[in-house]
């Protein structure tokens, strides 16, 4: 589990103690002091995407290594594809400096493979892209 607290995001395990659950920070995993957002790859759980002030980091949950980082990105919404191959990410729209702020990112390489403009609420952007279960096609739902 990744816990985002006021002072950092860290990987934790859950230990049951009597009627309570106790979160213990895993010292073998990286921490992200300025994290704002994190998502686990839902299918296999072998990766987590963490957004902080330095960029978007892809962390291997088995080794604790950061496999790649997209520096200088400012994503506020993230969503994995059904097979964990891609991450759909969106930055806030800036009307004074329009840019393609909705991205599909290869989760293995960190390469941005598709971009579009998204002018609405960034948190709604990932749901505007739908993958087939086998990821053979991706459809963009344009409002």
C-alpha atoms as a PDB file:
ATOM      1  CA  UNK A   1       0.000   0.000   0.000  1.00  0.00           C
ATOM      2  CA  UNK A   2       1.164   3.544  -0.705  1.00  0.00           C
ATOM      3  CA  UNK A   3       0.226   6.089   1.924  1.00  0.00           C
ATOM      4  CA  UNK A   4       0.302   9.788   1.037  1.00  0.00           C
ATOM      5  CA  UNK A   5       0.629  11.822   4.225  1.00  0.00           C
ATOM      6  CA  UNK A   6       1.346  15.507   4.795  1.00  0.00           C
ATOM      7  CA  UNK A   7       5.097  14.996   4.826  1.00  0.00           C
ATOM      8  CA  UNK A   8       5.644  12.212   2.248  1.00  0.00           C
ATOM      9  CA  UNK A   9       4.342   9.219   0.345  1.00  0.00           C
ATOM     10  CA  UNK A  10       5.681   5.892   1.491  1.00  0.00           C
ATOM     11  CA  UNK A  11       5.058   2.206   0.961  1.00  0.00           C
ATOM     12  CA  UNK A  12       3.466   0.512   3.956  1.00  0.00           C
ATOM     13  CA  UNK A  13       2.426  -2.931   5.040  1.00  0.00           C
ATOM     14  CA  UNK A  14      -0.616  -3.584   7.198  1.00  0.00           C
ATOM     15  CA  UNK A  15      -0.286  -5.595  10.384  1.00  0.00           C
ATOM     16  CA  UNK A  16      -3.298  -6.608  12.457  1.00  0.00           C
ATOM     17  CA  UNK A  17      -2.865  -5.982  16.166  1.00  0.00           C
ATOM     18  CA  UNK A  18      -5.832  -7.151  18.225  1.00  0.00           C
ATOM     19  CA  UNK A  19      -8.837  -5.230  16.826  1.00  0.00           C
ATOM     20  CA  UNK A  20      -6.651  -2.644  15.070  1.00  0.00           C
ATOM     21  CA  UNK A  21      -4.720  -2.428  11.833  1.00  0.00           C
ATOM     22  CA  UNK A  22      -1.265  -0.886  12.075  1.00  0.00           C
ATOM     23  CA  UNK A  23       0.505   0.649   9.081  1.00  0.00           C
ATOM     24  CA  UNK A  24       4.254   0.041   9.037  1.00  0.00           C
ATOM     25  CA  UNK A  25       6.523   1.878   6.625  1.00  0.00           C
ATOM     26  CA  UNK A  26       8.611  -0.475   4.484  1.00  0.00           C
ATOM     27  CA  UNK A  27      12.236   0.703   4.839  1.00  0.00           C
ATOM     28  CA  UNK A  28      13.280  -1.161   1.669  1.00  0.00           C
ATOM     29  CA  UNK A  29      11.012   0.933  -0.548  1.00  0.00           C
ATOM     30  CA  UNK A  30      11.525   4.531  -1.730  1.00  0.00           C
ATOM     31  CA  UNK A  31       9.729   7.487  -0.183  1.00  0.00           C
ATOM     32  CA  UNK A  32       8.549  10.598  -2.006  1.00  0.00           C
ATOM     33  CA  UNK A  33       8.593  13.672   0.256  1.00  0.00           C
ATOM     34  CA  UNK A  34       6.556  15.908  -2.070  1.00  0.00           C
ATOM     35  CA  UNK A  35       4.069  13.351  -3.471  1.00  0.00           C
ATOM     36  CA  UNK A  36       0.628  14.540  -4.503  1.00  0.00           C
ATOM     37  CA  UNK A  37      -0.827  11.479  -6.241  1.00  0.00           C
ATOM     38  CA  UNK A  38      -0.215   7.726  -6.530  1.00  0.00           C
ATOM     39  CA  UNK A  39      -1.886   4.825  -8.354  1.00  0.00           C
ATOM     40  CA  UNK A  40      -1.199   1.087  -8.255  1.00  0.00           C
ATOM     41  CA  UNK A  41      -1.280  -0.921 -11.457  1.00  0.00           C
ATOM     42  CA  UNK A  42      -4.594  -2.715 -10.765  1.00  0.00           C
ATOM     43  CA  UNK A  43      -4.150  -5.902 -12.774  1.00  0.00           C
ATOM     44  CA  UNK A  44      -0.911  -7.302 -11.369  1.00  0.00           C
ATOM     45  CA  UNK A  45       0.039  -4.741  -8.729  1.00  0.00           C
ATOM     46  CA  UNK A  46       3.693  -4.900  -9.809  1.00  0.00           C
ATOM     47  CA  UNK A  47       4.028  -1.166 -10.334  1.00  0.00           C
ATOM     48  CA  UNK A  48       2.926   2.101  -8.807  1.00  0.00           C
ATOM     49  CA  UNK A  49       2.947   5.526 -10.441  1.00  0.00           C
ATOM     50  CA  UNK A  50       3.810   8.347  -8.021  1.00  0.00           C
ATOM     51  CA  UNK A  51       3.512  12.047  -8.883  1.00  0.00           C
ATOM     52  CA  UNK A  52       5.639  14.561  -6.984  1.00  0.00           C
ATOM     53  CA  UNK A  53       7.285  17.936  -7.553  1.00  0.00           C
ATOM     54  CA  UNK A  54      10.060  16.315  -9.631  1.00  0.00           C
ATOM     55  CA  UNK A  55       7.777  14.406 -12.016  1.00  0.00           C
ATOM     56  CA  UNK A  56       5.980  11.100 -12.505  1.00  0.00           C
ATOM     57  CA  UNK A  57       7.891   8.096 -11.121  1.00  0.00           C
ATOM     58  CA  UNK A  58       7.203   4.456 -11.999  1.00  0.00           C
ATOM     59  CA  UNK A  59       8.210   2.180  -9.108  1.00  0.00           C
ATOM     60  CA  UNK A  60       8.592  -1.601  -9.335  1.00  0.00           C
ATOM     61  CA  UNK A  61       6.791  -2.918  -6.230  1.00  0.00           C
ATOM     62  CA  UNK A  62       8.846  -6.132  -6.142  1.00  0.00           C
ATOM     63  CA  UNK A  63      12.306  -4.499  -6.187  1.00  0.00           C
ATOM     64  CA  UNK A  64      11.545  -1.001  -4.901  1.00  0.00           C
ATOM     65  CA  UNK A  65      13.438   0.500  -7.840  1.00  0.00           C
ATOM     66  CA  UNK A  66      12.244   3.518  -9.802  1.00  0.00           C
ATOM     67  CA  UNK A  67      12.165   2.176 -13.361  1.00  0.00           C
ATOM     68  CA  UNK A  68      11.697   5.580 -15.021  1.00  0.00           C
ATOM     69  CA  UNK A  69      10.681   9.178 -14.342  1.00  0.00           C
ATOM     70  CA  UNK A  70       8.949  11.764 -16.518  1.00  0.00           C
ATOM     71  CA  UNK A  71      10.589  14.927 -15.243  1.00  0.00           C
ATOM     72  CA  UNK A  72       8.783  18.270 -15.072  1.00  0.00           C
ATOM     73  CA  UNK A  73       5.327  16.787 -15.527  1.00  0.00           C
ATOM     74  CA  UNK A  74       2.467  18.203 -13.475  1.00  0.00           C
ATOM     75  CA  UNK A  75      -0.196  15.489 -13.643  1.00  0.00           C
ATOM     76  CA  UNK A  76      -3.237  15.795 -11.409  1.00  0.00           C
ATOM     77  CA  UNK A  77      -5.061  12.660 -12.608  1.00  0.00           C
ATOM     78  CA  UNK A  78      -3.732   9.153 -13.351  1.00  0.00           C
ATOM     79  CA  UNK A  79      -5.354   5.886 -14.379  1.00  0.00           C
ATOM     80  CA  UNK A  80      -3.836   2.562 -15.497  1.00  0.00           C
ATOM     81  CA  UNK A  81      -5.114   0.620 -18.513  1.00  0.00           C
ATOM     82  CA  UNK A  82      -6.721  -2.811 -17.909  1.00  0.00           C
ATOM     83  CA  UNK A  83      -3.479  -4.805 -18.379  1.00  0.00           C
ATOM     84  CA  UNK A  84      -1.217  -2.217 -16.692  1.00  0.00           C
ATOM     85  CA  UNK A  85       0.548  -1.459 -19.996  1.00  0.00           C
ATOM     86  CA  UNK A  86      -0.360   2.240 -20.150  1.00  0.00           C
ATOM     87  CA  UNK A  87      -1.100   5.134 -17.831  1.00  0.00           C
ATOM     88  CA  UNK A  88      -3.569   7.821 -18.844  1.00  0.00           C
ATOM     89  CA  UNK A  89      -2.446  11.085 -17.261  1.00  0.00           C
ATOM     90  CA  UNK A  90      -3.781  14.636 -17.360  1.00  0.00           C
ATOM     91  CA  UNK A  91      -2.341  18.014 -16.386  1.00  0.00           C
ATOM     92  CA  UNK A  92      -4.476  21.071 -15.640  1.00  0.00           C
ATOM     93  CA  UNK A  93      -5.546  23.046 -18.701  1.00  0.00           C
ATOM     94  CA  UNK A  94      -3.857  26.436 -18.999  1.00  0.00           C
ATOM     95  CA  UNK A  95      -5.865  28.746 -21.293  1.00  0.00           C
ATOM     96  CA  UNK A  96      -2.972  31.238 -21.392  1.00  0.00           C
ATOM     97  CA  UNK A  97      -0.568  28.585 -22.681  1.00  0.00           C
ATOM     98  CA  UNK A  98      -2.676  25.890 -24.409  1.00  0.00           C
ATOM     99  CA  UNK A  99      -0.989  22.523 -24.812  1.00  0.00           C
ATOM    100  CA  UNK A 100      -1.816  18.870 -25.236  1.00  0.00           C
ATOM    101  CA  UNK A 101      -2.308  18.000 -21.586  1.00  0.00           C
ATOM    102  CA  UNK A 102      -3.963  14.553 -21.823  1.00  0.00           C
ATOM    103  CA  UNK A 103      -1.387  11.801 -22.334  1.00  0.00           C
ATOM    104  CA  UNK A 104      -1.162   8.060 -22.799  1.00  0.00           C
ATOM    105  CA  UNK A 105       2.147   6.892 -21.335  1.00  0.00           C
ATOM    106  CA  UNK A 106       3.838   3.522 -21.845  1.00  0.00           C
ATOM    107  CA  UNK A 107       4.154   2.264 -18.247  1.00  0.00           C
ATOM    108  CA  UNK A 108       7.299   0.239 -19.035  1.00  0.00           C
ATOM    109  CA  UNK A 109       9.335   2.944 -20.751  1.00  0.00           C
ATOM    110  CA  UNK A 110       7.728   6.198 -19.572  1.00  0.00           C
ATOM    111  CA  UNK A 111       7.386   7.310 -23.185  1.00  0.00           C
ATOM    112  CA  UNK A 112       4.373   9.483 -24.017  1.00  0.00           C
ATOM    113  CA  UNK A 113       2.746   7.737 -26.990  1.00  0.00           C
ATOM    114  CA  UNK A 114      -0.360   9.905 -27.577  1.00  0.00           C
ATOM    115  CA  UNK A 115      -1.473  13.425 -26.613  1.00  0.00           C
ATOM    116  CA  UNK A 116      -4.636  15.539 -26.814  1.00  0.00           C
ATOM    117  CA  UNK A 117      -5.982  18.788 -25.452  1.00  0.00           C
ATOM    118  CA  UNK A 118      -8.376  18.406 -22.516  1.00  0.00           C
ATOM    119  CA  UNK A 119     -10.063  21.636 -21.416  1.00  0.00           C
ATOM    120  CA  UNK A 120     -12.431  20.249 -18.790  1.00  0.00           C
ATOM    121  CA  UNK A 121     -11.771  19.071 -15.237  1.00  0.00           C
ATOM    122  CA  UNK A 122      -8.512  17.028 -15.316  1.00  0.00           C
ATOM    123  CA  UNK A 123      -9.912  14.364 -12.994  1.00  0.00           C
ATOM    124  CA  UNK A 124     -12.490  13.492 -15.680  1.00  0.00           C
ATOM    125  CA  UNK A 125      -9.895  13.127 -18.436  1.00  0.00           C
ATOM    126  CA  UNK A 126      -8.744   9.526 -17.748  1.00  0.00           C
ATOM    127  CA  UNK A 127     -12.310   8.251 -18.033  1.00  0.00           C
ATOM    128  CA  UNK A 128     -12.574   9.838 -21.491  1.00  0.00           C
ATOM    129  CA  UNK A 129     -10.182   7.147 -22.786  1.00  0.00           C
ATOM    130  CA  UNK A 130     -11.440   3.586 -22.768  1.00  0.00           C
ATOM    131  CA  UNK A 131      -9.335   0.526 -23.544  1.00  0.00           C
ATOM    132  CA  UNK A 132     -10.678  -2.834 -24.599  1.00  0.00           C
ATOM    133  CA  UNK A 133      -9.948  -5.475 -21.951  1.00  0.00           C
ATOM    134  CA  UNK A 134      -7.092  -6.882 -24.056  1.00  0.00           C
ATOM    135  CA  UNK A 135      -5.850  -3.330 -24.871  1.00  0.00           C
ATOM    136  CA  UNK A 136      -6.021  -4.045 -28.612  1.00  0.00           C
ATOM    137  CA  UNK A 137      -7.940  -0.768 -29.066  1.00  0.00           C
ATOM    138  CA  UNK A 138      -8.297   2.479 -27.183  1.00  0.00           C
ATOM    139  CA  UNK A 139     -11.236   4.792 -27.754  1.00  0.00           C
ATOM    140  CA  UNK A 140     -11.427   8.451 -26.861  1.00  0.00           C
ATOM    141  CA  UNK A 141     -14.855   9.685 -25.813  1.00  0.00           C
ATOM    142  CA  UNK A 142     -15.053  13.328 -26.840  1.00  0.00           C
ATOM    143  CA  UNK A 143     -17.669  15.320 -24.893  1.00  0.00           C
END
